[in-house]
């Protein structure tokens, strides 16, 4: 067991000495010896022994032998008495019955390193149970101790007791590299996503006009590479035709819709319209006119899912449109400009 460093907490008391010389002498501690004059009143000091402990919570080993330097400030006393004690002092004197005194550990040395309170993590109350972080300034890696107040000066001050701080430590050790043979295990690598539909418009037809004047349009789109698969499994590159949704919207984006704009279009259109894989999807060489690489055609004039802008959008007033294909998170969009009619002055 390491030797404790001792801190003595002394108290001042008023003692009324006996006026008669035949009375028994008053007993004092070693710190209170003095010659008395019969018939006088003298203020004397009575000394209490407190042990200063700063130990490791994990090992239980007291740190006092290794704490080569330390500093404790006495503050907050109702009497306004203040003091500072270091390892060079024999004791810390306080008034007996004083109140609200705090014995604040402000610095200490351990194993040749000086620890001070870490900014933003210092003690709040300095009472039992309060926790703070002490650190070696500018240490890299960080060298920190978590310090807890286990016991301190009683309130009000009384004899005996212990000023006891306890620390735990977290430090960064050296980097250890594990060899590949130790850590390696096979795993699949996936970069997930979706290419934009790779189509070009082969033909656009005005197939009808609604009662509100909106144009109904039919689009024929060709795959820019030869499609693969048949039936419901036709793919243009890696995009399945049955994964494609479509929207026709007014161009209010100055020919530069953002991804957010495109998302909003499909939200407003309840997800858009789908391709009928039975009657509207074609493999290579099919369709009218024939699509050399294959592709699809949108619904006709009489179909409920024919491409038409929502709301009242008369074709003369709203001739500019955006036709959008969506597959997964990716989009392909086309600008559609409907030429307005001008009179030819035919005779």
C-alpha atoms as a PDB file:
ATOM      1  CA  UNK A   1       0.000   0.000   0.000  1.00  0.00           C
ATOM      2  CA  UNK A   2       1.264   3.413  -0.946  1.00  0.00           C
ATOM      3  CA  UNK A   3       1.637   6.095   1.732  1.00  0.00           C
ATOM      4  CA  UNK A   4      -1.152   8.676   1.733  1.00  0.00           C
ATOM      5  CA  UNK A   5      -0.414  12.331   1.350  1.00  0.00           C
ATOM      6  CA  UNK A   6      -2.055  14.010   4.316  1.00  0.00           C
ATOM      7  CA  UNK A   7      -4.047  17.192   4.298  1.00  0.00           C
ATOM      8  CA  UNK A   8      -5.017  18.621   7.626  1.00  0.00           C
ATOM      9  CA  UNK A   9      -8.166  20.659   7.990  1.00  0.00           C
ATOM     10  CA  UNK A  10      -7.986  22.904  11.027  1.00  0.00           C
ATOM     11  CA  UNK A  11     -10.722  24.838  12.836  1.00  0.00           C
ATOM     12  CA  UNK A  12     -10.737  27.938  14.961  1.00  0.00           C
ATOM     13  CA  UNK A  13     -12.743  27.861  18.187  1.00  0.00           C
ATOM     14  CA  UNK A  14     -13.120  30.361  20.981  1.00  0.00           C
ATOM     15  CA  UNK A  15     -11.891  29.079  24.357  1.00  0.00           C
ATOM     16  CA  UNK A  16     -12.563  30.920  27.575  1.00  0.00           C
ATOM     17  CA  UNK A  17      -9.580  30.239  29.877  1.00  0.00           C
ATOM     18  CA  UNK A  18     -10.099  29.806  33.606  1.00  0.00           C
ATOM     19  CA  UNK A  19      -9.399  32.883  35.700  1.00  0.00           C
ATOM     20  CA  UNK A  20      -8.250  30.871  38.666  1.00  0.00           C
ATOM     21  CA  UNK A  21      -4.819  29.305  38.578  1.00  0.00           C
ATOM     22  CA  UNK A  22      -5.958  26.200  40.468  1.00  0.00           C
ATOM     23  CA  UNK A  23      -8.297  25.062  37.681  1.00  0.00           C
ATOM     24  CA  UNK A  24      -7.303  22.155  35.422  1.00  0.00           C
ATOM     25  CA  UNK A  25      -5.375  23.293  32.297  1.00  0.00           C
ATOM     26  CA  UNK A  26      -7.170  23.272  28.931  1.00  0.00           C
ATOM     27  CA  UNK A  27      -5.939  20.487  26.564  1.00  0.00           C
ATOM     28  CA  UNK A  28      -5.013  21.438  22.986  1.00  0.00           C
ATOM     29  CA  UNK A  29      -3.584  19.595  20.049  1.00  0.00           C
ATOM     30  CA  UNK A  30       0.033  19.978  19.009  1.00  0.00           C
ATOM     31  CA  UNK A  31      -0.979  22.911  16.862  1.00  0.00           C
ATOM     32  CA  UNK A  32      -2.495  24.805  19.778  1.00  0.00           C
ATOM     33  CA  UNK A  33       0.312  25.020  22.381  1.00  0.00           C
ATOM     34  CA  UNK A  34       0.715  28.466  23.828  1.00  0.00           C
ATOM     35  CA  UNK A  35       1.475  30.305  27.034  1.00  0.00           C
ATOM     36  CA  UNK A  36      -1.658  31.614  28.593  1.00  0.00           C
ATOM     37  CA  UNK A  37      -2.103  34.637  30.830  1.00  0.00           C
ATOM     38  CA  UNK A  38      -4.655  33.951  33.551  1.00  0.00           C
ATOM     39  CA  UNK A  39      -7.739  36.085  33.212  1.00  0.00           C
ATOM     40  CA  UNK A  40      -7.463  36.599  29.427  1.00  0.00           C
ATOM     41  CA  UNK A  41      -9.539  35.234  26.540  1.00  0.00           C
ATOM     42  CA  UNK A  42      -7.509  33.687  23.698  1.00  0.00           C
ATOM     43  CA  UNK A  43      -8.673  32.388  20.310  1.00  0.00           C
ATOM     44  CA  UNK A  44      -7.230  28.931  19.771  1.00  0.00           C
ATOM     45  CA  UNK A  45      -6.915  26.587  16.825  1.00  0.00           C
ATOM     46  CA  UNK A  46      -8.048  22.966  17.010  1.00  0.00           C
ATOM     47  CA  UNK A  47      -6.711  20.774  14.208  1.00  0.00           C
ATOM     48  CA  UNK A  48      -8.528  17.896  12.454  1.00  0.00           C
ATOM     49  CA  UNK A  49      -6.852  15.263  10.339  1.00  0.00           C
ATOM     50  CA  UNK A  50      -8.277  14.651   6.842  1.00  0.00           C
ATOM     51  CA  UNK A  51      -6.684  12.229   4.419  1.00  0.00           C
ATOM     52  CA  UNK A  52      -6.346  13.216   0.767  1.00  0.00           C
ATOM     53  CA  UNK A  53      -6.960  10.247  -1.537  1.00  0.00           C
ATOM     54  CA  UNK A  54      -6.872  10.058  -5.312  1.00  0.00           C
ATOM     55  CA  UNK A  55      -7.086   6.433  -6.354  1.00  0.00           C
ATOM     56  CA  UNK A  56      -7.849   4.192  -9.295  1.00  0.00           C
ATOM     57  CA  UNK A  57     -11.414   2.886  -9.211  1.00  0.00           C
ATOM     58  CA  UNK A  58     -10.392  -0.254 -11.068  1.00  0.00           C
ATOM     59  CA  UNK A  59      -7.349  -1.356  -9.085  1.00  0.00           C
ATOM     60  CA  UNK A  60      -8.063   0.197  -5.712  1.00  0.00           C
ATOM     61  CA  UNK A  61      -4.460   1.360  -5.520  1.00  0.00           C
ATOM     62  CA  UNK A  62      -4.133   4.744  -3.905  1.00  0.00           C
ATOM     63  CA  UNK A  63      -2.506   7.296  -6.096  1.00  0.00           C
ATOM     64  CA  UNK A  64      -1.067   9.499  -3.354  1.00  0.00           C
ATOM     65  CA  UNK A  65       2.453   8.123  -3.666  1.00  0.00           C
ATOM     66  CA  UNK A  66       2.454   8.855  -7.400  1.00  0.00           C
ATOM     67  CA  UNK A  67       0.754  12.259  -7.129  1.00  0.00           C
ATOM     68  CA  UNK A  68       4.044  14.078  -6.866  1.00  0.00           C
ATOM     69  CA  UNK A  69       2.303  17.462  -7.043  1.00  0.00           C
ATOM     70  CA  UNK A  70      -1.244  18.583  -6.465  1.00  0.00           C
ATOM     71  CA  UNK A  71      -3.198  21.738  -5.727  1.00  0.00           C
ATOM     72  CA  UNK A  72      -6.473  22.162  -3.857  1.00  0.00           C
ATOM     73  CA  UNK A  73      -8.337  25.463  -3.554  1.00  0.00           C
ATOM     74  CA  UNK A  74     -10.654  26.230  -0.643  1.00  0.00           C
ATOM     75  CA  UNK A  75     -13.521  28.422  -1.886  1.00  0.00           C
ATOM     76  CA  UNK A  76     -17.182  29.164  -1.263  1.00  0.00           C
ATOM     77  CA  UNK A  77     -17.052  29.282   2.530  1.00  0.00           C
ATOM     78  CA  UNK A  78     -19.781  31.325   4.207  1.00  0.00           C
ATOM     79  CA  UNK A  79     -17.063  32.890   6.340  1.00  0.00           C
ATOM     80  CA  UNK A  80     -15.395  34.088   3.063  1.00  0.00           C
ATOM     81  CA  UNK A  81     -12.211  32.306   4.203  1.00  0.00           C
ATOM     82  CA  UNK A  82     -10.112  31.073   1.231  1.00  0.00           C
ATOM     83  CA  UNK A  83      -6.879  29.169   0.945  1.00  0.00           C
ATOM     84  CA  UNK A  84      -4.759  27.032  -1.357  1.00  0.00           C
ATOM     85  CA  UNK A  85      -2.862  23.912  -0.363  1.00  0.00           C
ATOM     86  CA  UNK A  86      -0.232  22.065  -2.383  1.00  0.00           C
ATOM     87  CA  UNK A  87       2.024  19.159  -1.609  1.00  0.00           C
ATOM     88  CA  UNK A  88       4.303  21.627   0.199  1.00  0.00           C
ATOM     89  CA  UNK A  89       1.677  22.452   2.843  1.00  0.00           C
ATOM     90  CA  UNK A  90       1.046  20.457   5.997  1.00  0.00           C
ATOM     91  CA  UNK A  91      -2.629  21.229   6.314  1.00  0.00           C
ATOM     92  CA  UNK A  92      -5.543  23.355   5.157  1.00  0.00           C
ATOM     93  CA  UNK A  93      -7.134  25.474   7.868  1.00  0.00           C
ATOM     94  CA  UNK A  94     -10.870  26.154   7.924  1.00  0.00           C
ATOM     95  CA  UNK A  95     -13.278  27.403  10.552  1.00  0.00           C
ATOM     96  CA  UNK A  96     -15.173  24.747  12.466  1.00  0.00           C
ATOM     97  CA  UNK A  97     -18.896  25.000  11.727  1.00  0.00           C
ATOM     98  CA  UNK A  98     -18.185  26.993   8.542  1.00  0.00           C
ATOM     99  CA  UNK A  99     -20.590  26.236   5.684  1.00  0.00           C
ATOM    100  CA  UNK A 100     -20.507  25.632   1.923  1.00  0.00           C
ATOM    101  CA  UNK A 101     -16.728  25.133   1.830  1.00  0.00           C
ATOM    102  CA  UNK A 102     -15.487  23.402  -1.326  1.00  0.00           C
ATOM    103  CA  UNK A 103     -12.097  21.708  -1.522  1.00  0.00           C
ATOM    104  CA  UNK A 104     -11.401  21.928  -5.249  1.00  0.00           C
ATOM    105  CA  UNK A 105      -8.795  19.691  -6.845  1.00  0.00           C
ATOM    106  CA  UNK A 106      -7.371  21.917  -9.589  1.00  0.00           C
ATOM    107  CA  UNK A 107      -4.293  19.988 -10.752  1.00  0.00           C
ATOM    108  CA  UNK A 108      -2.217  16.921  -9.967  1.00  0.00           C
ATOM    109  CA  UNK A 109       0.688  14.978 -11.419  1.00  0.00           C
ATOM    110  CA  UNK A 110       0.683  11.263 -12.140  1.00  0.00           C
ATOM    111  CA  UNK A 111       3.598   9.309 -13.541  1.00  0.00           C
ATOM    112  CA  UNK A 112       5.360  12.507 -14.533  1.00  0.00           C
ATOM    113  CA  UNK A 113       2.324  13.974 -16.347  1.00  0.00           C
ATOM    114  CA  UNK A 114       0.273  16.954 -15.173  1.00  0.00           C
ATOM    115  CA  UNK A 115      -3.521  16.728 -15.325  1.00  0.00           C
ATOM    116  CA  UNK A 116      -5.846  19.746 -15.301  1.00  0.00           C
ATOM    117  CA  UNK A 117      -9.645  20.074 -15.794  1.00  0.00           C
ATOM    118  CA  UNK A 118     -10.741  19.661 -19.398  1.00  0.00           C
ATOM    119  CA  UNK A 119     -12.583  22.668 -20.825  1.00  0.00           C
ATOM    120  CA  UNK A 120     -16.310  22.007 -20.891  1.00  0.00           C
ATOM    121  CA  UNK A 121     -16.007  18.909 -18.666  1.00  0.00           C
ATOM    122  CA  UNK A 122     -14.982  20.340 -15.281  1.00  0.00           C
ATOM    123  CA  UNK A 123     -16.713  19.677 -11.941  1.00  0.00           C
ATOM    124  CA  UNK A 124     -20.060  21.456 -11.513  1.00  0.00           C
ATOM    125  CA  UNK A 125     -20.649  21.191  -7.759  1.00  0.00           C
ATOM    126  CA  UNK A 126     -17.422  19.708  -6.296  1.00  0.00           C
ATOM    127  CA  UNK A 127     -19.666  17.641  -4.019  1.00  0.00           C
ATOM    128  CA  UNK A 128     -19.767  13.867  -3.581  1.00  0.00           C
ATOM    129  CA  UNK A 129     -20.843  12.192  -6.818  1.00  0.00           C
ATOM    130  CA  UNK A 130     -19.765  15.057  -9.074  1.00  0.00           C
ATOM    131  CA  UNK A 131     -17.701  13.937 -12.088  1.00  0.00           C
ATOM    132  CA  UNK A 132     -15.125  15.775 -14.210  1.00  0.00           C
ATOM    133  CA  UNK A 133     -12.522  15.029 -16.849  1.00  0.00           C
ATOM    134  CA  UNK A 134      -8.873  15.902 -16.274  1.00  0.00           C
ATOM    135  CA  UNK A 135      -6.462  15.835 -19.189  1.00  0.00           C
ATOM    136  CA  UNK A 136      -2.857  16.298 -20.172  1.00  0.00           C
ATOM    137  CA  UNK A 137      -2.991  19.495 -22.196  1.00  0.00           C
ATOM    138  CA  UNK A 138      -2.351  19.060 -25.946  1.00  0.00           C
ATOM    139  CA  UNK A 139      -1.677  15.323 -25.578  1.00  0.00           C
ATOM    140  CA  UNK A 140      -1.901  13.387 -28.860  1.00  0.00           C
ATOM    141  CA  UNK A 141      -3.407  10.861 -28.577  1.00  0.00           C
ATOM    142  CA  UNK A 142      -5.633  12.246 -25.822  1.00  0.00           C
ATOM    143  CA  UNK A 143      -4.638  11.356 -22.252  1.00  0.00           C
ATOM    144  CA  UNK A 144      -7.685  11.815 -20.027  1.00  0.00           C
ATOM    145  CA  UNK A 145      -8.825  10.771 -16.560  1.00  0.00           C
ATOM    146  CA  UNK A 146     -12.423  10.743 -15.390  1.00  0.00           C
ATOM    147  CA  UNK A 147     -12.320  11.956 -11.779  1.00  0.00           C
ATOM    148  CA  UNK A 148     -15.197  11.497  -9.312  1.00  0.00           C
ATOM    149  CA  UNK A 149     -15.661  13.182  -5.929  1.00  0.00           C
ATOM    150  CA  UNK A 150     -16.156  10.296  -3.479  1.00  0.00           C
ATOM    151  CA  UNK A 151     -16.122  12.406  -0.289  1.00  0.00           C
ATOM    152  CA  UNK A 152     -15.206  15.953   0.683  1.00  0.00           C
ATOM    153  CA  UNK A 153     -15.486  18.535   3.489  1.00  0.00           C
ATOM    154  CA  UNK A 154     -18.704  18.189   5.453  1.00  0.00           C
ATOM    155  CA  UNK A 155     -21.264  20.994   5.476  1.00  0.00           C
ATOM    156  CA  UNK A 156     -21.042  22.416   8.111  1.00  0.00           C
ATOM    157  CA  UNK A 157     -17.378  21.642   8.809  1.00  0.00           C
ATOM    158  CA  UNK A 158     -16.833  18.926  11.429  1.00  0.00           C
ATOM    159  CA  UNK A 159     -13.849  16.966  12.667  1.00  0.00           C
ATOM    160  CA  UNK A 160     -12.499  13.934  10.822  1.00  0.00           C
ATOM    161  CA  UNK A 161     -13.600  12.809   7.371  1.00  0.00           C
ATOM    162  CA  UNK A 162     -11.790  12.367   4.091  1.00  0.00           C
ATOM    163  CA  UNK A 163     -11.239  14.301   0.872  1.00  0.00           C
ATOM    164  CA  UNK A 164     -11.396  11.474  -1.640  1.00  0.00           C
ATOM    165  CA  UNK A 165     -11.207  11.719  -5.455  1.00  0.00           C
ATOM    166  CA  UNK A 166     -11.324   8.600  -7.614  1.00  0.00           C
ATOM    167  CA  UNK A 167     -10.327   8.323 -11.256  1.00  0.00           C
ATOM    168  CA  UNK A 168     -10.827   6.024 -14.209  1.00  0.00           C
ATOM    169  CA  UNK A 169      -8.821   6.303 -17.393  1.00  0.00           C
ATOM    170  CA  UNK A 170      -9.431   5.884 -21.124  1.00  0.00           C
ATOM    171  CA  UNK A 171      -6.417   6.262 -23.399  1.00  0.00           C
ATOM    172  CA  UNK A 172      -5.681   5.534 -27.029  1.00  0.00           C
ATOM    173  CA  UNK A 173      -3.111   2.841 -27.514  1.00  0.00           C
ATOM    174  CA  UNK A 174      -0.937   2.085 -30.493  1.00  0.00           C
ATOM    175  CA  UNK A 175      -2.559   1.094 -33.788  1.00  0.00           C
ATOM    176  CA  UNK A 176      -2.644  -2.638 -34.401  1.00  0.00           C
ATOM    177  CA  UNK A 177      -2.999  -3.967 -37.938  1.00  0.00           C
ATOM    178  CA  UNK A 178      -4.560  -7.389 -38.414  1.00  0.00           C
ATOM    179  CA  UNK A 179      -3.214  -9.372 -41.316  1.00  0.00           C
ATOM    180  CA  UNK A 180      -5.449 -10.138 -44.264  1.00  0.00           C
ATOM    181  CA  UNK A 181      -5.581 -13.834 -43.430  1.00  0.00           C
ATOM    182  CA  UNK A 182      -7.058 -12.998 -40.019  1.00  0.00           C
ATOM    183  CA  UNK A 183      -9.823 -10.693 -41.133  1.00  0.00           C
ATOM    184  CA  UNK A 184     -10.685 -11.750 -44.670  1.00  0.00           C
ATOM    185  CA  UNK A 185     -14.078 -13.227 -45.479  1.00  0.00           C
ATOM    186  CA  UNK A 186     -15.762 -13.334 -48.875  1.00  0.00           C
ATOM    187  CA  UNK A 187     -18.710 -11.009 -49.523  1.00  0.00           C
ATOM    188  CA  UNK A 188     -20.661  -9.954 -52.579  1.00  0.00           C
ATOM    189  CA  UNK A 189     -20.113  -6.462 -53.952  1.00  0.00           C
ATOM    190  CA  UNK A 190     -23.170  -4.635 -55.277  1.00  0.00           C
ATOM    191  CA  UNK A 191     -23.460  -1.188 -56.795  1.00  0.00           C
ATOM    192  CA  UNK A 192     -27.209  -0.766 -56.915  1.00  0.00           C
ATOM    193  CA  UNK A 193     -29.095   1.592 -59.229  1.00  0.00           C
ATOM    194  CA  UNK A 194     -30.956   1.861 -62.462  1.00  0.00           C
ATOM    195  CA  UNK A 195     -29.986   3.205 -65.864  1.00  0.00           C
ATOM    196  CA  UNK A 196     -32.320   5.706 -67.500  1.00  0.00           C
ATOM    197  CA  UNK A 197     -34.568   4.244 -70.184  1.00  0.00           C
ATOM    198  CA  UNK A 198     -32.557   4.264 -73.432  1.00  0.00           C
ATOM    199  CA  UNK A 199     -35.229   5.193 -75.990  1.00  0.00           C
ATOM    200  CA  UNK A 200     -35.769   7.637 -78.827  1.00  0.00           C
ATOM    201  CA  UNK A 201     -39.098   8.901 -80.138  1.00  0.00           C
ATOM    202  CA  UNK A 202     -39.897   7.275 -83.464  1.00  0.00           C
ATOM    203  CA  UNK A 203     -43.291   8.914 -84.008  1.00  0.00           C
ATOM    204  CA  UNK A 204     -45.792  11.249 -82.249  1.00  0.00           C
ATOM    205  CA  UNK A 205     -49.430  11.464 -83.332  1.00  0.00           C
ATOM    206  CA  UNK A 206     -52.229  13.819 -82.338  1.00  0.00           C
ATOM    207  CA  UNK A 207     -55.043  11.293 -82.055  1.00  0.00           C
ATOM    208  CA  UNK A 208     -57.879  13.290 -80.467  1.00  0.00           C
ATOM    209  CA  UNK A 209     -58.883  16.517 -78.699  1.00  0.00           C
ATOM    210  CA  UNK A 210     -60.880  16.467 -75.494  1.00  0.00           C
ATOM    211  CA  UNK A 211     -64.037  18.487 -74.830  1.00  0.00           C
ATOM    212  CA  UNK A 212     -61.881  21.007 -72.950  1.00  0.00           C
ATOM    213  CA  UNK A 213     -59.519  21.373 -75.926  1.00  0.00           C
ATOM    214  CA  UNK A 214     -56.644  19.248 -74.605  1.00  0.00           C
ATOM    215  CA  UNK A 215     -54.683  17.255 -77.139  1.00  0.00           C
ATOM    216  CA  UNK A 216     -54.499  13.479 -76.886  1.00  0.00           C
ATOM    217  CA  UNK A 217     -51.204  12.072 -78.123  1.00  0.00           C
ATOM    218  CA  UNK A 218     -49.774   8.671 -79.009  1.00  0.00           C
ATOM    219  CA  UNK A 219     -46.006   8.084 -78.836  1.00  0.00           C
ATOM    220  CA  UNK A 220     -44.020   5.341 -80.511  1.00  0.00           C
ATOM    221  CA  UNK A 221     -40.579   4.859 -78.943  1.00  0.00           C
ATOM    222  CA  UNK A 222     -37.746   2.703 -80.198  1.00  0.00           C
ATOM    223  CA  UNK A 223     -34.990   1.175 -78.119  1.00  0.00           C
ATOM    224  CA  UNK A 224     -31.603   2.605 -79.066  1.00  0.00           C
ATOM    225  CA  UNK A 225     -30.219  -0.933 -78.899  1.00  0.00           C
ATOM    226  CA  UNK A 226     -31.921  -4.179 -79.839  1.00  0.00           C
ATOM    227  CA  UNK A 227     -34.324  -5.333 -77.131  1.00  0.00           C
ATOM    228  CA  UNK A 228     -33.941  -8.747 -75.531  1.00  0.00           C
ATOM    229  CA  UNK A 229     -36.527 -11.145 -74.214  1.00  0.00           C
ATOM    230  CA  UNK A 230     -40.122 -11.726 -75.203  1.00  0.00           C
ATOM    231  CA  UNK A 231     -43.609 -11.304 -73.825  1.00  0.00           C
ATOM    232  CA  UNK A 232     -43.643  -9.596 -70.440  1.00  0.00           C
ATOM    233  CA  UNK A 233     -39.840  -9.928 -70.116  1.00  0.00           C
ATOM    234  CA  UNK A 234     -38.759  -7.530 -72.883  1.00  0.00           C
ATOM    235  CA  UNK A 235     -35.744  -5.410 -71.912  1.00  0.00           C
ATOM    236  CA  UNK A 236     -34.154  -2.377 -73.573  1.00  0.00           C
ATOM    237  CA  UNK A 237     -30.575  -2.637 -72.348  1.00  0.00           C
ATOM    238  CA  UNK A 238     -31.104  -3.436 -68.631  1.00  0.00           C
ATOM    239  CA  UNK A 239     -34.490  -1.703 -68.301  1.00  0.00           C
ATOM    240  CA  UNK A 240     -37.599  -3.868 -68.360  1.00  0.00           C
ATOM    241  CA  UNK A 241     -40.404  -2.319 -70.375  1.00  0.00           C
ATOM    242  CA  UNK A 242     -42.906  -3.303 -67.676  1.00  0.00           C
ATOM    243  CA  UNK A 243     -40.922  -1.162 -65.188  1.00  0.00           C
ATOM    244  CA  UNK A 244     -41.436   2.030 -67.195  1.00  0.00           C
ATOM    245  CA  UNK A 245     -43.941   4.679 -66.109  1.00  0.00           C
ATOM    246  CA  UNK A 246     -44.915   7.653 -68.327  1.00  0.00           C
ATOM    247  CA  UNK A 247     -46.163  11.201 -67.776  1.00  0.00           C
ATOM    248  CA  UNK A 248     -47.123  14.023 -70.136  1.00  0.00           C
ATOM    249  CA  UNK A 249     -46.889  17.455 -68.472  1.00  0.00           C
ATOM    250  CA  UNK A 250     -46.851  21.120 -69.363  1.00  0.00           C
ATOM    251  CA  UNK A 251     -43.382  22.573 -69.853  1.00  0.00           C
ATOM    252  CA  UNK A 252     -43.043  25.159 -67.088  1.00  0.00           C
ATOM    253  CA  UNK A 253     -39.339  24.423 -66.568  1.00  0.00           C
ATOM    254  CA  UNK A 254     -37.691  26.394 -69.391  1.00  0.00           C
ATOM    255  CA  UNK A 255     -36.510  23.128 -70.968  1.00  0.00           C
ATOM    256  CA  UNK A 256     -34.507  22.278 -67.822  1.00  0.00           C
ATOM    257  CA  UNK A 257     -36.531  20.198 -65.349  1.00  0.00           C
ATOM    258  CA  UNK A 258     -34.637  19.039 -62.269  1.00  0.00           C
ATOM    259  CA  UNK A 259     -34.908  15.606 -60.708  1.00  0.00           C
ATOM    260  CA  UNK A 260     -37.165  17.156 -58.086  1.00  0.00           C
ATOM    261  CA  UNK A 261     -39.391  18.540 -60.839  1.00  0.00           C
ATOM    262  CA  UNK A 262     -39.609  15.143 -62.504  1.00  0.00           C
ATOM    263  CA  UNK A 263     -40.449  13.454 -59.215  1.00  0.00           C
ATOM    264  CA  UNK A 264     -43.189  16.017 -58.637  1.00  0.00           C
ATOM    265  CA  UNK A 265     -44.681  15.277 -62.060  1.00  0.00           C
ATOM    266  CA  UNK A 266     -45.099  11.597 -61.241  1.00  0.00           C
ATOM    267  CA  UNK A 267     -46.456  12.359 -57.785  1.00  0.00           C
ATOM    268  CA  UNK A 268     -49.082  14.646 -59.306  1.00  0.00           C
ATOM    269  CA  UNK A 269     -49.930  11.950 -61.870  1.00  0.00           C
ATOM    270  CA  UNK A 270     -50.304   9.227 -59.201  1.00  0.00           C
ATOM    271  CA  UNK A 271     -47.245   7.421 -60.488  1.00  0.00           C
ATOM    272  CA  UNK A 272     -47.919   7.813 -64.223  1.00  0.00           C
ATOM    273  CA  UNK A 273     -49.125   5.316 -66.813  1.00  0.00           C
ATOM    274  CA  UNK A 274     -47.718   1.892 -67.664  1.00  0.00           C
ATOM    275  CA  UNK A 275     -47.047   0.037 -70.913  1.00  0.00           C
ATOM    276  CA  UNK A 276     -49.496  -2.708 -71.835  1.00  0.00           C
ATOM    277  CA  UNK A 277     -47.009  -5.522 -72.413  1.00  0.00           C
ATOM    278  CA  UNK A 278     -49.512  -7.556 -74.423  1.00  0.00           C
ATOM    279  CA  UNK A 279     -50.555  -4.981 -77.045  1.00  0.00           C
ATOM    280  CA  UNK A 280     -48.060  -2.120 -76.789  1.00  0.00           C
ATOM    281  CA  UNK A 281     -44.585  -3.723 -76.403  1.00  0.00           C
ATOM    282  CA  UNK A 282     -42.670  -4.969 -79.456  1.00  0.00           C
ATOM    283  CA  UNK A 283     -39.610  -7.047 -80.089  1.00  0.00           C
ATOM    284  CA  UNK A 284     -37.185  -6.271 -82.950  1.00  0.00           C
ATOM    285  CA  UNK A 285     -38.925  -5.697 -86.295  1.00  0.00           C
ATOM    286  CA  UNK A 286     -42.456  -5.412 -84.849  1.00  0.00           C
ATOM    287  CA  UNK A 287     -44.777  -2.405 -84.649  1.00  0.00           C
ATOM    288  CA  UNK A 288     -46.334  -0.016 -87.188  1.00  0.00           C
ATOM    289  CA  UNK A 289     -44.220   1.457 -88.523  1.00  0.00           C
ATOM    290  CA  UNK A 290     -41.815  -1.375 -87.765  1.00  0.00           C
ATOM    291  CA  UNK A 291     -39.232  -0.785 -85.008  1.00  0.00           C
ATOM    292  CA  UNK A 292     -35.958  -2.358 -86.077  1.00  0.00           C
ATOM    293  CA  UNK A 293     -34.676  -2.645 -82.481  1.00  0.00           C
ATOM    294  CA  UNK A 294     -38.066  -3.103 -80.841  1.00  0.00           C
ATOM    295  CA  UNK A 295     -39.759  -0.763 -78.371  1.00  0.00           C
ATOM    296  CA  UNK A 296     -43.326   0.248 -77.498  1.00  0.00           C
ATOM    297  CA  UNK A 297     -46.285   2.460 -78.400  1.00  0.00           C
ATOM    298  CA  UNK A 298     -48.539   4.287 -75.936  1.00  0.00           C
ATOM    299  CA  UNK A 299     -52.292   3.831 -75.661  1.00  0.00           C
ATOM    300  CA  UNK A 300     -54.638   4.956 -78.449  1.00  0.00           C
ATOM    301  CA  UNK A 301     -57.269   7.717 -78.498  1.00  0.00           C
ATOM    302  CA  UNK A 302     -60.115   5.637 -77.085  1.00  0.00           C
ATOM    303  CA  UNK A 303     -58.059   4.196 -74.206  1.00  0.00           C
ATOM    304  CA  UNK A 304     -58.377   5.622 -70.720  1.00  0.00           C
ATOM    305  CA  UNK A 305     -54.592   5.751 -70.387  1.00  0.00           C
ATOM    306  CA  UNK A 306     -53.937   7.761 -73.551  1.00  0.00           C
ATOM    307  CA  UNK A 307     -51.321  10.449 -73.019  1.00  0.00           C
ATOM    308  CA  UNK A 308     -53.019  13.771 -72.266  1.00  0.00           C
ATOM    309  CA  UNK A 309     -52.120  16.647 -69.974  1.00  0.00           C
ATOM    310  CA  UNK A 310     -54.175  16.848 -66.810  1.00  0.00           C
ATOM    311  CA  UNK A 311     -56.626  19.676 -66.242  1.00  0.00           C
ATOM    312  CA  UNK A 312     -57.796  22.194 -68.829  1.00  0.00           C
ATOM    313  CA  UNK A 313     -54.814  22.700 -71.151  1.00  0.00           C
ATOM    314  CA  UNK A 314     -56.133  23.718 -74.588  1.00  0.00           C
ATOM    315  CA  UNK A 315     -53.702  22.720 -77.293  1.00  0.00           C
ATOM    316  CA  UNK A 316     -53.385  26.223 -78.747  1.00  0.00           C
ATOM    317  CA  UNK A 317     -52.708  27.850 -75.384  1.00  0.00           C
ATOM    318  CA  UNK A 318     -50.383  25.101 -74.089  1.00  0.00           C
ATOM    319  CA  UNK A 319     -48.446  23.779 -77.106  1.00  0.00           C
ATOM    320  CA  UNK A 320     -45.226  22.958 -75.215  1.00  0.00           C
ATOM    321  CA  UNK A 321     -45.059  19.686 -73.288  1.00  0.00           C
ATOM    322  CA  UNK A 322     -42.615  17.348 -71.589  1.00  0.00           C
ATOM    323  CA  UNK A 323     -42.954  13.607 -72.052  1.00  0.00           C
ATOM    324  CA  UNK A 324     -41.140  11.638 -69.356  1.00  0.00           C
ATOM    325  CA  UNK A 325     -40.138   7.999 -68.966  1.00  0.00           C
ATOM    326  CA  UNK A 326     -39.244   6.733 -65.499  1.00  0.00           C
ATOM    327  CA  UNK A 327     -37.680   3.459 -64.406  1.00  0.00           C
ATOM    328  CA  UNK A 328     -36.710   3.129 -60.764  1.00  0.00           C
ATOM    329  CA  UNK A 329     -34.928   6.338 -59.726  1.00  0.00           C
ATOM    330  CA  UNK A 330     -33.942   7.282 -63.301  1.00  0.00           C
ATOM    331  CA  UNK A 331     -35.657   9.415 -65.922  1.00  0.00           C
ATOM    332  CA  UNK A 332     -35.548  10.142 -69.656  1.00  0.00           C
ATOM    333  CA  UNK A 333     -37.522  13.168 -70.801  1.00  0.00           C
ATOM    334  CA  UNK A 334     -38.433  14.639 -74.192  1.00  0.00           C
ATOM    335  CA  UNK A 335     -39.501  18.160 -75.113  1.00  0.00           C
ATOM    336  CA  UNK A 336     -42.619  18.180 -77.311  1.00  0.00           C
ATOM    337  CA  UNK A 337     -43.485  21.337 -79.210  1.00  0.00           C
ATOM    338  CA  UNK A 338     -46.874  21.335 -80.935  1.00  0.00           C
ATOM    339  CA  UNK A 339     -46.848  23.661 -83.922  1.00  0.00           C
ATOM    340  CA  UNK A 340     -49.772  26.057 -83.839  1.00  0.00           C
ATOM    341  CA  UNK A 341     -51.821  26.521 -86.990  1.00  0.00           C
ATOM    342  CA  UNK A 342     -51.404  29.571 -89.185  1.00  0.00           C
ATOM    343  CA  UNK A 343     -53.488  30.286 -92.255  1.00  0.00           C
ATOM    344  CA  UNK A 344     -51.767  29.489 -95.530  1.00  0.00           C
ATOM    345  CA  UNK A 345     -53.768  31.971 -97.602  1.00  0.00           C
ATOM    346  CA  UNK A 346     -54.797  29.273-100.015  1.00  0.00           C
ATOM    347  CA  UNK A 347     -57.129  30.505-102.781  1.00  0.00           C
END
